[in-house]
Amino acid sequence: MYKIIPLLLITLVLSCSPRQENIDAKKKLINGKNINPYNPPIKSLEIQLSELKASNKKAIGKILESPYRYLSEKLKAHKSKTFAKLTYSRVTKVEIPKYKPVIPKKDQGASDRKLPPKVNNFLSLSENIYIEHDKANNFMVKLDNSMGYKKDIRWINKVLYINDDSDRYTTRKSVDNEHLKTLNEPSLLFSKVLEMISYKITALYQEDKTYNNRNVLVFNFKQLETPYKKVKVNKKSKIKEIKGSLYVDKETYAPIFIDLTIKWRFESRIKNKKTNKPEFIDANFTIKRDTTNIGDSSIDIKTPEQDKVLTVKIAPSEADAEEKILNFKKGHSAIDKLRREKEKREKLLGITKKKK
């Protein structure tokens, strides 16, 4: 009996010795997060080279919808420039009535003659994205669009620097991986356009070639009769033209070069007041992306100068802290704009405030 007990103890110890996967699982249970919460792994596209060379439409669709973070994780160090533009215009233009402006005589104040109605015959949205990414997961993203949105975001050694077109950066730790969500922003406009054309797009394999010292697969874009994934197709939407090229990295399947133009017509929800029939809209979309310096370890993401950094103490649980900062600034600028407009209007009408 006494000889059996030591053997049982040894067996018990050996059977309970922790394996690495058990250690990792325990850490995950304790933390409730991935071991590296600042860079969780991204899912593979799960496609094969044979599928791409056969121009499999579902495989091409996965590449087109892959987030920018897929590119950054697969290529590591690289630089990328992206330009996208979406324009709308009514097929039937709304006529603007002619009018003759009335110039007021001296001391009679401004004219109260009505101006022509403001009609949205044309709408244009454009954006520019510049990204630098090094091998150590540090990156810089510069964003600006035609609606006045500008940002310079830098993620350096697990510290987030944000500059919303001001003189200073605000800095803090990332909340809920918001720094990684930034890397998905460049794909949002493109994703919306794919949805608008009901995913009726693919790319046909043409050849293998070398581009920026990488082996790539060259494709030409083409319209599909049926979408590459099951969606509710807008029958009132008609694609006029799809053209352009796509270069996919042969090793990682990352889309490193895109030059795409799409023209289509769709039915608007707004009805024509005269005919009581829905209006039709002509839409054009262009996207150009060029990725360079792939694998270059010399890319250096610079930390902003210390005198331009404003450290803000924000509780980690306050996920929308950045937006509160931006809204605070925007709110003040909006108040100033209204004040200046009021002063101009009063000056035009000849209203002067009495001095106290």
Protein backbone atom coordinates (compact mmCIF):
# COMPACT_ATOMS: atom_id res chain seq x y z
CA MET A 1 0.00 0.00 0.00
CA TYR A 2 2.76 2.44 0.99
CA LYS A 3 4.59 1.68 -2.30
CA ILE A 4 1.50 2.41 -4.35
CA ILE A 5 0.86 5.89 -2.84
CA PRO A 6 4.16 7.47 -4.16
CA LEU A 7 3.45 6.04 -7.61
CA LEU A 8 -0.04 7.53 -7.56
CA LEU A 9 1.35 10.93 -6.53
CA ILE A 10 3.94 10.88 -9.33
CA THR A 11 1.26 9.89 -11.87
CA LEU A 12 -1.01 12.65 -10.60
CA VAL A 13 1.74 15.29 -10.88
CA LEU A 14 2.72 14.19 -14.37
CA SER A 15 -0.89 14.14 -15.56
CA CYS A 16 -1.50 17.65 -14.20
CA SER A 17 1.66 19.24 -15.64
CA PRO A 18 0.51 22.33 -17.56
CA ARG A 19 0.86 22.33 -21.32
CA GLN A 20 1.41 25.57 -23.23
CA GLU A 21 -2.07 25.49 -24.75
CA ASN A 22 -3.56 25.06 -21.27
CA ILE A 23 -1.54 28.04 -20.00
CA ASP A 24 -2.74 30.17 -22.92
CA ALA A 25 -6.34 29.06 -22.40
CA LYS A 26 -6.13 29.93 -18.71
CA LYS A 27 -4.77 33.40 -19.49
CA LYS A 28 -7.58 33.95 -21.97
CA LEU A 29 -10.17 32.93 -19.35
CA ILE A 30 -8.63 35.20 -16.73
CA ASN A 31 -8.26 38.22 -19.00
CA GLY A 32 -11.41 37.64 -21.02
CA LYS A 33 -9.42 38.84 -24.03
CA ASN A 34 -6.77 37.69 -26.46
CA ILE A 35 -3.21 37.47 -25.10
CA ASN A 36 -2.27 40.46 -27.27
CA PRO A 37 -5.37 42.69 -27.03
CA TYR A 38 -3.77 45.42 -29.16
CA ASN A 39 -3.32 43.21 -32.23
CA PRO A 40 -5.85 40.35 -32.34
CA PRO A 41 -5.35 38.03 -35.33
CA ILE A 42 -7.52 38.57 -38.38
CA LYS A 43 -9.29 35.69 -40.12
CA SER A 44 -7.80 34.19 -43.27
CA LEU A 45 -9.71 34.65 -46.52
CA GLU A 46 -9.73 30.86 -46.97
CA ILE A 47 -9.16 30.89 -50.72
CA GLN A 48 -6.85 28.88 -52.96
CA LEU A 49 -4.51 29.97 -55.76
CA SER A 50 -6.37 27.67 -58.15
CA GLU A 51 -9.64 29.49 -57.35
CA LEU A 52 -8.10 32.86 -58.18
CA LYS A 53 -6.58 31.68 -61.46
CA ALA A 54 -9.96 30.22 -62.36
CA SER A 55 -11.50 33.65 -61.56
CA ASN A 56 -13.84 32.17 -58.96
CA LYS A 57 -16.32 34.98 -58.28
CA LYS A 58 -16.71 34.18 -54.55
CA ALA A 59 -12.93 34.20 -54.04
CA ILE A 60 -12.65 37.56 -55.85
CA GLY A 61 -15.50 38.90 -53.70
CA LYS A 62 -13.62 38.00 -50.52
CA ILE A 63 -10.59 39.96 -51.73
CA LEU A 64 -12.68 43.01 -52.69
CA GLU A 65 -14.39 43.06 -49.27
CA SER A 66 -11.24 42.36 -47.23
CA PRO A 67 -10.65 45.14 -44.67
CA TYR A 68 -7.53 47.28 -44.90
CA ARG A 69 -6.28 45.64 -41.72
CA TYR A 70 -5.95 42.38 -43.66
CA LEU A 71 -3.50 44.12 -45.98
CA SER A 72 -1.57 45.62 -43.07
CA GLU A 73 -1.34 42.32 -41.19
CA LYS A 74 -0.28 40.26 -44.22
CA LEU A 75 2.19 42.69 -45.81
CA LYS A 76 3.64 44.10 -42.56
CA ALA A 77 5.79 47.13 -43.44
CA HIS A 78 4.34 49.10 -46.35
CA LYS A 79 3.04 52.45 -47.55
CA SER A 80 -0.28 52.95 -49.30
CA LYS A 81 -2.21 55.75 -51.00
CA THR A 82 -5.93 55.47 -51.71
CA PHE A 83 -8.23 57.90 -53.48
CA ALA A 84 -11.97 57.28 -53.84
CA LYS A 85 -14.72 59.42 -55.34
CA LEU A 86 -18.47 58.87 -55.61
CA THR A 87 -20.72 61.23 -57.59
CA TYR A 88 -24.50 61.37 -58.05
CA SER A 89 -26.54 63.37 -60.55
CA ARG A 90 -30.24 63.37 -61.44
CA VAL A 91 -31.08 62.01 -64.87
CA THR A 92 -33.81 64.64 -65.26
CA LYS A 93 -32.34 67.98 -64.29
CA VAL A 94 -34.48 70.36 -62.28
CA GLU A 95 -34.86 73.71 -63.99
CA ILE A 96 -33.88 76.72 -61.92
CA PRO A 97 -36.03 79.77 -62.73
CA LYS A 98 -34.24 82.86 -63.96
CA TYR A 99 -34.33 85.92 -61.78
CA LYS A 100 -33.16 89.47 -61.90
CA PRO A 101 -31.33 90.61 -58.78
CA VAL A 102 -32.44 93.90 -57.28
CA ILE A 103 -29.68 96.19 -56.09
CA PRO A 104 -30.89 98.24 -53.10
CA LYS A 105 -30.47 101.98 -53.12
CA LYS A 106 -28.43 103.72 -50.52
CA ASP A 107 -29.81 103.54 -46.96
CA GLN A 108 -32.66 101.23 -48.02
CA GLY A 109 -31.16 98.07 -46.52
CA ALA A 110 -30.74 94.70 -48.21
CA SER A 111 -33.08 93.40 -50.90
CA ASP A 112 -35.79 90.99 -49.78
CA ARG A 113 -36.13 89.55 -53.30
CA LYS A 114 -36.22 85.76 -53.12
CA LEU A 115 -33.23 83.85 -54.43
CA PRO A 116 -33.66 80.79 -56.69
CA PRO A 117 -34.35 77.48 -54.92
CA LYS A 118 -31.33 75.39 -53.97
CA VAL A 119 -31.65 72.09 -55.81
CA ASN A 120 -29.40 69.06 -55.30
CA ASN A 121 -28.85 68.18 -58.95
CA PHE A 122 -25.34 66.97 -58.22
CA LEU A 123 -23.54 65.49 -55.21
CA SER A 124 -19.89 64.52 -54.91
CA LEU A 125 -18.04 62.68 -52.13
CA SER A 126 -14.30 62.11 -52.24
CA GLU A 127 -11.65 60.93 -49.80
CA ASN A 128 -7.89 60.56 -49.58
CA ILE A 129 -6.15 58.04 -47.34
CA TYR A 130 -2.41 57.79 -46.76
CA ILE A 131 -1.06 54.97 -44.59
CA GLU A 132 2.39 54.02 -43.33
CA HIS A 133 2.79 50.74 -41.45
CA ASP A 134 5.98 49.24 -40.00
CA LYS A 135 6.84 45.67 -39.00
CA ALA A 136 6.19 46.33 -35.31
CA ASN A 137 2.45 47.12 -35.79
CA ASN A 138 3.03 50.87 -35.46
CA PHE A 139 1.19 52.90 -38.09
CA MET A 140 0.10 56.35 -39.23
CA VAL A 141 -3.18 57.09 -41.04
CA LYS A 142 -3.99 60.44 -42.62
CA LEU A 143 -7.61 60.91 -43.71
CA ASP A 144 -9.39 63.78 -45.40
CA ASN A 145 -12.59 64.01 -47.41
CA SER A 146 -14.70 66.53 -49.29
CA MET A 147 -17.00 67.02 -46.29
CA GLY A 148 -14.24 68.67 -44.26
CA TYR A 149 -13.33 65.61 -42.19
CA LYS A 150 -9.60 65.45 -41.46
CA LYS A 151 -7.56 63.29 -39.14
CA ASP A 152 -3.94 62.32 -38.51
CA ILE A 153 -3.91 59.16 -36.37
CA ARG A 154 -0.74 57.46 -35.14
CA TRP A 155 -0.46 54.22 -33.19
CA ILE A 156 3.03 54.04 -31.68
CA ASN A 157 4.11 51.59 -28.96
CA LYS A 158 0.50 51.04 -27.80
CA VAL A 159 -0.20 54.78 -27.52
CA LEU A 160 -2.81 56.46 -29.72
CA TYR A 161 -2.13 59.99 -31.06
CA ILE A 162 -5.03 61.87 -32.67
CA ASN A 163 -4.93 65.17 -34.54
CA ASP A 164 -8.25 66.40 -35.92
CA ASP A 165 -6.74 69.15 -38.10
CA SER A 166 -5.66 71.26 -35.13
CA ASP A 167 -2.29 72.41 -33.75
CA ARG A 168 -2.00 69.60 -31.22
CA TYR A 169 -2.38 65.85 -30.86
CA THR A 170 -4.38 64.27 -28.08
CA THR A 171 -2.97 61.01 -26.76
CA ARG A 172 -4.24 58.05 -24.77
CA LYS A 173 -4.44 54.25 -24.73
CA SER A 174 -6.69 52.56 -27.28
CA VAL A 175 -10.23 51.71 -26.14
CA ASP A 176 -11.89 48.57 -27.56
CA ASN A 177 -9.28 48.32 -30.32
CA GLU A 178 -10.33 51.66 -31.83
CA HIS A 179 -6.87 52.00 -33.38
CA LEU A 180 -7.58 48.90 -35.48
CA LYS A 181 -11.02 50.17 -36.47
CA THR A 182 -9.20 53.13 -38.02
CA LEU A 183 -7.49 50.76 -40.45
CA ASN A 184 -10.92 49.65 -41.68
CA GLU A 185 -12.06 53.17 -42.58
CA PRO A 186 -10.51 53.21 -46.08
CA SER A 187 -12.75 50.32 -47.15
CA LEU A 188 -16.06 51.84 -46.00
CA LEU A 189 -16.89 53.85 -49.14
CA PHE A 190 -15.89 50.97 -51.42
CA SER A 191 -17.97 48.53 -49.35
CA LYS A 192 -21.00 50.82 -49.66
CA VAL A 193 -20.62 50.96 -53.45
CA LEU A 194 -20.38 47.15 -53.69
CA GLU A 195 -23.66 47.00 -51.78
CA MET A 196 -25.27 49.61 -54.06
CA ILE A 197 -24.45 47.62 -57.22
CA SER A 198 -25.71 44.43 -55.50
CA TYR A 199 -22.24 42.81 -55.60
CA LYS A 200 -22.50 42.22 -59.35
CA ILE A 201 -18.76 42.56 -59.98
CA THR A 202 -15.83 40.19 -60.43
CA ALA A 203 -12.32 40.19 -61.89
CA LEU A 204 -10.90 37.89 -64.57
CA TYR A 205 -7.34 36.52 -64.21
CA GLN A 206 -4.97 37.76 -66.92
CA GLU A 207 -1.36 36.96 -65.99
CA ASP A 208 1.39 36.74 -63.36
CA LYS A 209 3.83 39.64 -63.13
CA THR A 210 6.20 41.46 -60.76
CA TYR A 211 4.99 44.70 -59.16
CA ASN A 212 6.96 46.62 -56.51
CA ASN A 213 9.28 43.62 -56.06
CA ARG A 214 6.31 41.33 -55.34
CA ASN A 215 4.85 38.51 -57.41
CA VAL A 216 1.26 39.46 -58.19
CA LEU A 217 -1.78 38.10 -60.02
CA VAL A 218 -3.20 40.59 -62.55
CA PHE A 219 -6.99 40.79 -63.02
CA ASN A 220 -9.35 42.89 -65.13
CA PHE A 221 -12.70 43.90 -63.63
CA LYS A 222 -15.92 42.70 -65.21
CA GLN A 223 -19.66 42.95 -64.57
CA LEU A 224 -21.58 39.92 -63.29
CA GLU A 225 -25.08 38.95 -64.35
CA THR A 226 -25.72 37.49 -60.89
CA PRO A 227 -24.11 38.70 -57.61
CA TYR A 228 -21.18 36.82 -56.07
CA LYS A 229 -23.11 36.39 -52.83
CA LYS A 230 -26.78 35.98 -51.95
CA VAL A 231 -28.33 39.43 -51.54
CA LYS A 232 -31.57 41.16 -52.44
CA VAL A 233 -30.84 42.57 -55.89
CA ASN A 234 -32.17 46.03 -56.77
CA LYS A 235 -33.97 45.35 -60.07
CA LYS A 236 -34.21 49.09 -60.75
CA SER A 237 -30.42 49.39 -60.72
CA LYS A 238 -28.57 48.98 -64.02
CA ILE A 239 -24.78 48.91 -64.41
CA LYS A 240 -23.55 50.78 -67.47
CA GLU A 241 -19.82 50.16 -67.24
CA ILE A 242 -17.19 48.45 -65.05
CA LYS A 243 -13.54 48.69 -65.98
CA GLY A 244 -10.12 48.66 -64.34
CA SER A 245 -7.35 46.45 -62.98
CA LEU A 246 -6.65 44.59 -59.75
CA TYR A 247 -3.24 43.31 -58.56
CA VAL A 248 -3.34 40.64 -55.84
CA ASP A 249 -0.19 39.65 -53.94
CA LYS A 250 0.49 36.02 -54.86
CA GLU A 251 1.77 35.08 -51.40
CA THR A 252 -0.77 36.77 -49.10
CA TYR A 253 -3.74 37.43 -51.45
CA ALA A 254 -3.75 41.07 -50.36
CA PRO A 255 -5.15 43.57 -52.93
CA ILE A 256 -2.15 45.90 -53.30
CA PHE A 257 -3.24 47.78 -56.44
CA ILE A 258 -6.76 48.83 -57.47
CA ASP A 259 -7.78 51.08 -60.36
CA LEU A 260 -11.54 50.75 -60.75
CA THR A 261 -14.35 52.78 -62.36
CA ILE A 262 -18.04 51.90 -62.04
CA LYS A 263 -20.96 53.71 -63.74
CA TRP A 264 -24.57 52.77 -63.01
CA ARG A 265 -28.13 54.10 -62.79
CA PHE A 266 -30.58 53.42 -59.97
CA GLU A 267 -34.07 54.40 -58.87
CA SER A 268 -34.31 57.02 -56.16
CA ARG A 269 -36.79 56.98 -53.29
CA ILE A 270 -37.68 60.58 -54.15
CA LYS A 271 -40.55 61.05 -56.62
CA ASN A 272 -40.84 63.69 -59.29
CA LYS A 273 -43.49 66.22 -58.21
CA LYS A 274 -44.90 66.59 -61.73
CA THR A 275 -45.07 62.95 -62.84
CA ASN A 276 -45.32 61.37 -59.36
CA LYS A 277 -42.82 58.74 -60.55
CA PRO A 278 -39.49 57.89 -58.89
CA GLU A 279 -36.45 59.87 -59.99
CA PHE A 280 -33.49 58.05 -61.54
CA ILE A 281 -29.93 58.81 -60.48
CA ASP A 282 -26.72 58.38 -62.45
CA ALA A 283 -23.79 57.40 -60.21
CA ASN A 284 -20.07 57.19 -60.90
CA PHE A 285 -17.45 55.69 -58.60
CA THR A 286 -13.66 55.66 -58.87
CA ILE A 287 -11.13 54.12 -56.52
CA LYS A 288 -7.35 54.04 -56.90
CA ARG A 289 -5.00 52.33 -54.44
CA ASP A 290 -1.25 51.91 -54.79
CA THR A 291 0.83 50.03 -52.22
CA THR A 292 4.61 50.45 -52.12
CA ASN A 293 7.67 49.85 -49.87
CA ILE A 294 6.33 46.39 -49.07
CA GLY A 295 8.57 44.59 -46.54
CA ASP A 296 10.78 47.65 -46.08
CA SER A 297 12.01 47.56 -42.46
CA SER A 298 13.25 51.16 -42.69
CA ILE A 299 9.75 52.65 -42.44
CA ASP A 300 9.84 54.83 -39.32
CA ILE A 301 6.54 55.98 -37.81
CA LYS A 302 7.56 59.19 -36.07
CA THR A 303 6.20 60.20 -32.68
CA PRO A 304 4.76 63.76 -32.75
CA GLU A 305 6.96 66.42 -31.18
CA GLN A 306 6.41 66.69 -27.44
CA ASP A 307 5.33 70.34 -27.53
CA LYS A 308 2.51 69.37 -29.92
CA VAL A 309 1.09 66.60 -27.72
CA LEU A 310 -1.72 67.25 -25.25
CA THR A 311 -2.13 64.39 -22.78
CA VAL A 312 -5.78 63.96 -21.89
CA LYS A 313 -6.75 61.96 -18.82
CA ILE A 314 -9.72 59.85 -19.90
CA ALA A 315 -11.19 56.92 -18.02
CA PRO A 316 -10.57 53.63 -19.91
CA SER A 317 -14.27 52.76 -19.76
CA GLU A 318 -15.25 55.92 -21.64
CA ALA A 319 -15.28 54.44 -25.16
CA ASP A 320 -16.61 57.57 -26.89
CA ALA A 321 -14.08 59.92 -25.32
CA GLU A 322 -12.54 60.90 -28.65
CA GLU A 323 -15.90 61.85 -30.12
CA LYS A 324 -16.66 63.98 -27.07
CA ILE A 325 -13.41 65.87 -27.60
CA LEU A 326 -14.15 66.38 -31.30
CA ASN A 327 -17.78 67.40 -30.66
CA PHE A 328 -16.62 69.90 -28.07
CA LYS A 329 -14.32 71.54 -30.62
CA LYS A 330 -16.90 71.36 -33.40
CA GLY A 331 -19.55 72.83 -31.12
CA HIS A 332 -17.43 75.87 -30.38
CA SER A 333 -16.50 76.37 -34.02
CA ALA A 334 -20.20 76.14 -34.98
CA ILE A 335 -21.11 78.81 -32.40
CA ASP A 336 -18.36 81.10 -33.73
CA LYS A 337 -19.58 80.56 -37.30
CA LEU A 338 -23.16 81.50 -36.36
CA ARG A 339 -21.90 84.58 -34.51
CA ARG A 340 -19.88 85.75 -37.54
CA GLU A 341 -22.83 85.18 -39.88
CA LYS A 342 -25.09 87.18 -37.57
CA GLU A 343 -22.61 90.08 -37.48
CA LYS A 344 -22.38 90.09 -41.30
CA ARG A 345 -26.17 90.09 -41.63
CA GLU A 346 -26.55 92.94 -39.15
CA LYS A 347 -23.87 94.95 -40.95
CA LEU A 348 -25.60 94.36 -44.30
CA LEU A 349 -28.96 95.48 -42.87
CA GLY A 350 -27.34 98.53 -41.31
CA ILE A 351 -28.04 97.45 -37.74
CA THR A 352 -25.56 98.78 -35.21
CA LYS A 353 -25.43 97.80 -31.58
CA LYS A 354 -25.59 100.53 -28.98
CA LYS A 355 -22.47 100.89 -26.92
CA LYS A 356 -23.01 100.48 -23.20
